[in-house]
């Protein structure tokens, strides 16, 4: 499989994930503005998950843009990531339906944690397949945001199990991480841009 096929397949899966999530937003039985009030937990849960899937799509695009080779280990690592991302519709619906109860929120954070670990594994496999790729190597070495995110997701998983108040801690953690990642990995963007400028200035 070429890099372009890997990216196209991943894009298709992420598009389906978003479609499944939005289909969980059922039309209210009434016809007044007040009837929408009961949907606010579901809508907030959907909005947060939409942002998360969008963040993964953006960073996955940047990661593959910097990739020069694909092998079997990378294919499986990518499928591993897509597996955990495919569970977002489930935990999104559960968290929204429950009104952000502790166990659904802990489950949401667990899926987010495992997706982040899977992304880190994919990044590592890309580096192992092409250790001379300075863009990927430097991004992996300096991925402070990834380490912070994984630690925060662990907090988000444990907090709801300690009491009802923990659900709001988890919600704050999830929103905070989303805001931290809302801009794609600048290290990869910067490295790609510098590599392009270097190629343009190199004499033929």
Protein backbone atom coordinates (compact mmCIF):
# COMPACT_ATOMS: atom_id res chain seq x y z
CA UNK A 1 0.00 0.00 0.00
CA UNK A 2 1.30 3.45 -0.88
CA UNK A 3 1.22 6.45 1.42
CA UNK A 4 -1.59 8.01 -0.58
CA UNK A 5 -3.79 4.91 -0.19
CA UNK A 6 -3.11 4.81 3.54
CA UNK A 7 -4.13 8.44 3.89
CA UNK A 8 -7.23 8.03 1.71
CA UNK A 9 -8.38 5.00 3.71
CA UNK A 10 -7.84 6.84 6.99
CA UNK A 11 -9.72 9.90 5.73
CA UNK A 12 -12.66 7.70 4.78
CA UNK A 13 -12.80 6.04 8.20
CA UNK A 14 -12.65 9.40 10.00
CA UNK A 15 -15.45 10.76 7.80
CA UNK A 16 -17.61 7.74 8.68
CA UNK A 17 -16.86 8.24 12.40
CA UNK A 18 -18.12 11.84 12.23
CA UNK A 19 -21.20 10.72 10.30
CA UNK A 20 -22.07 8.08 12.90
CA UNK A 21 -21.67 10.61 15.72
CA UNK A 22 -23.99 13.19 14.16
CA UNK A 23 -26.63 10.54 13.48
CA UNK A 24 -26.86 10.05 17.25
CA UNK A 25 -28.35 13.56 17.53
CA UNK A 26 -32.02 12.61 17.35
CA UNK A 27 -34.65 15.17 16.36
CA UNK A 28 -36.70 16.24 19.44
CA UNK A 29 -40.33 15.16 19.64
CA UNK A 30 -41.60 18.71 20.20
CA UNK A 31 -41.50 21.75 17.96
CA UNK A 32 -40.44 24.50 20.38
CA UNK A 33 -37.07 25.97 21.29
CA UNK A 34 -37.50 24.53 24.78
CA UNK A 35 -37.57 21.03 23.30
CA UNK A 36 -33.94 21.45 22.27
CA UNK A 37 -32.92 21.94 25.90
CA UNK A 38 -32.92 18.21 26.59
CA UNK A 39 -30.39 17.72 23.80
CA UNK A 40 -27.66 19.94 25.23
CA UNK A 41 -25.61 17.10 26.85
CA UNK A 42 -25.69 15.13 23.60
CA UNK A 43 -24.77 18.18 21.53
CA UNK A 44 -21.87 19.16 23.81
CA UNK A 45 -20.58 15.60 23.73
CA UNK A 46 -20.85 15.54 19.93
CA UNK A 47 -19.15 18.93 19.56
CA UNK A 48 -16.22 17.84 21.73
CA UNK A 49 -15.82 14.57 19.84
CA UNK A 50 -16.05 16.37 16.49
CA UNK A 51 -13.17 18.61 17.59
CA UNK A 52 -11.15 15.58 18.69
CA UNK A 53 -11.65 13.73 15.40
CA UNK A 54 -10.79 16.94 13.52
CA UNK A 55 -7.59 17.29 15.56
CA UNK A 56 -6.57 13.72 14.74
CA UNK A 57 -7.37 14.26 11.07
CA UNK A 58 -5.22 17.41 10.96
CA UNK A 59 -2.24 15.91 12.77
CA UNK A 60 -2.52 12.60 10.91
CA UNK A 61 -2.42 14.57 7.64
CA UNK A 62 0.71 16.45 8.73
CA UNK A 63 2.35 13.24 9.95
CA UNK A 64 1.77 11.40 6.67
CA UNK A 65 2.82 14.44 4.66
CA UNK A 66 6.24 14.13 6.28
CA UNK A 67 6.32 10.34 5.75
CA UNK A 68 8.45 8.91 2.95
CA UNK A 69 7.91 5.17 3.34
CA UNK A 70 5.17 2.77 4.47
CA UNK A 71 5.55 -0.84 5.64
CA UNK A 72 3.44 -3.53 7.28
CA UNK A 73 4.11 -2.34 10.83
CA UNK A 74 2.94 1.15 9.88
CA UNK A 75 -0.24 -0.24 8.32
CA UNK A 76 -1.11 -2.11 11.51
CA UNK A 77 -0.18 0.84 13.71
CA UNK A 78 -2.49 3.02 11.64
CA UNK A 79 -5.32 0.48 11.95
CA UNK A 80 -4.66 0.36 15.71
CA UNK A 81 -5.21 4.13 15.84
CA UNK A 82 -8.36 3.92 13.72
CA UNK A 83 -9.74 1.20 16.01
CA UNK A 84 -9.66 3.46 19.06
CA UNK A 85 -10.95 6.43 17.10
CA UNK A 86 -13.85 4.30 15.86
CA UNK A 87 -15.00 3.96 19.49
CA UNK A 88 -15.54 7.72 19.81
CA UNK A 89 -19.16 7.48 18.55
CA UNK A 90 -19.93 4.93 21.29
CA UNK A 91 -18.45 6.88 24.22
CA UNK A 92 -19.82 10.13 22.77
CA UNK A 93 -23.36 8.74 22.74
CA UNK A 94 -22.97 7.18 26.20
CA UNK A 95 -21.61 10.35 27.81
CA UNK A 96 -24.32 12.48 26.20
CA UNK A 97 -27.20 10.12 26.98
CA UNK A 98 -26.12 9.80 30.62
CA UNK A 99 -25.76 13.54 31.17
CA UNK A 100 -22.02 13.12 31.86
CA UNK A 101 -22.24 10.47 34.57
CA UNK A 102 -18.91 9.25 36.07
CA UNK A 103 -18.51 5.85 34.38
CA UNK A 104 -19.34 7.09 30.84
CA UNK A 105 -16.96 10.02 31.33
CA UNK A 106 -14.20 7.72 32.59
CA UNK A 107 -14.80 5.53 29.55
CA UNK A 108 -14.59 8.54 27.23
CA UNK A 109 -11.26 9.55 28.76
CA UNK A 110 -10.00 5.95 28.50
CA UNK A 111 -10.77 5.84 24.77
CA UNK A 112 -9.10 9.24 24.31
CA UNK A 113 -6.06 7.95 26.23
CA UNK A 114 -5.75 4.80 24.13
CA UNK A 115 -6.17 6.80 20.91
CA UNK A 116 -3.34 9.09 22.00
CA UNK A 117 -1.12 6.10 22.80
CA UNK A 118 -1.97 4.59 19.41
CA UNK A 119 -1.02 7.85 17.68
CA UNK A 120 2.31 7.84 19.53
CA UNK A 121 2.88 4.22 18.46
CA UNK A 122 2.15 5.14 14.83
CA UNK A 123 4.61 8.03 15.06
CA UNK A 124 7.25 5.70 16.50
CA UNK A 125 6.73 3.16 13.71
CA UNK A 126 7.12 5.88 11.10
CA UNK A 127 10.42 6.91 12.68
CA UNK A 128 11.64 3.30 12.87
CA UNK A 129 10.86 2.81 9.17
CA UNK A 130 12.75 5.98 8.19
CA UNK A 131 15.27 6.93 10.91
CA UNK A 132 16.93 9.45 8.60
CA UNK A 133 13.74 11.49 8.33
CA UNK A 134 14.68 14.51 10.45
CA UNK A 135 11.15 15.92 10.41
CA UNK A 136 9.63 12.85 12.06
CA UNK A 137 12.58 12.20 14.39
CA UNK A 138 12.66 15.75 15.77
CA UNK A 139 8.89 15.84 16.23
CA UNK A 140 8.98 12.55 18.16
CA UNK A 141 11.86 13.70 20.33
CA UNK A 142 10.20 16.99 21.26
CA UNK A 143 6.59 15.80 21.64
CA UNK A 144 5.91 17.41 25.00
CA UNK A 145 2.23 17.92 24.20
CA UNK A 146 1.76 14.19 23.65
CA UNK A 147 3.28 13.31 27.03
CA UNK A 148 1.18 15.96 28.78
CA UNK A 149 -1.95 14.71 27.02
CA UNK A 150 -1.41 11.08 28.04
CA UNK A 151 -0.85 12.08 31.68
CA UNK A 152 -3.95 14.30 31.62
CA UNK A 153 -6.10 11.54 30.11
CA UNK A 154 -5.05 9.29 32.98
CA UNK A 155 -6.29 11.94 35.40
CA UNK A 156 -9.50 12.19 33.40
CA UNK A 157 -9.98 8.44 33.66
CA UNK A 158 -9.39 8.18 37.41
CA UNK A 159 -11.19 11.35 38.57
CA UNK A 160 -14.81 10.22 37.85
CA UNK A 161 -14.20 7.00 39.78
CA UNK A 162 -13.47 9.01 42.93
CA UNK A 163 -16.81 10.82 43.02
CA UNK A 164 -19.49 12.57 41.00
CA UNK A 165 -17.40 15.75 40.97
CA UNK A 166 -14.77 13.86 38.97
CA UNK A 167 -16.93 14.01 35.84
CA UNK A 168 -16.44 17.76 35.69
CA UNK A 169 -12.70 17.35 36.23
CA UNK A 170 -12.66 14.98 33.27
CA UNK A 171 -14.70 17.41 31.18
CA UNK A 172 -12.24 20.21 32.00
CA UNK A 173 -9.30 17.94 31.14
CA UNK A 174 -10.81 16.92 27.80
CA UNK A 175 -11.63 20.49 26.81
CA UNK A 176 -8.17 21.66 27.90
CA UNK A 177 -6.39 19.02 25.82
CA UNK A 178 -8.57 19.82 22.81
CA UNK A 179 -7.63 23.50 23.08
CA UNK A 180 -3.96 22.54 23.36
CA UNK A 181 -4.12 20.49 20.15
CA UNK A 182 -6.52 22.69 18.17
CA UNK A 183 -3.53 23.95 16.16
CA UNK A 184 -1.74 21.12 14.29
CA UNK A 185 1.78 20.11 15.34
CA UNK A 186 3.81 23.24 14.61
CA UNK A 187 7.09 21.32 14.80
CA UNK A 188 6.18 19.20 11.80
CA UNK A 189 4.75 22.20 9.94
CA UNK A 190 7.91 24.21 10.58
CA UNK A 191 10.22 21.36 9.61
CA UNK A 192 8.32 20.69 6.37
CA UNK A 193 8.38 24.38 5.49
CA UNK A 194 12.13 24.64 6.21
CA UNK A 195 12.83 21.51 4.16
CA UNK A 196 10.88 22.98 1.26
CA UNK A 197 12.75 26.26 1.47
CA UNK A 198 16.06 24.40 1.60
CA UNK A 199 15.17 22.44 -1.55
CA UNK A 200 14.16 25.60 -3.36
CA UNK A 201 17.45 27.31 -2.52
CA UNK A 202 19.62 24.29 -3.36
CA UNK A 203 21.35 24.75 -6.74
CA UNK A 204 20.38 22.31 -9.47
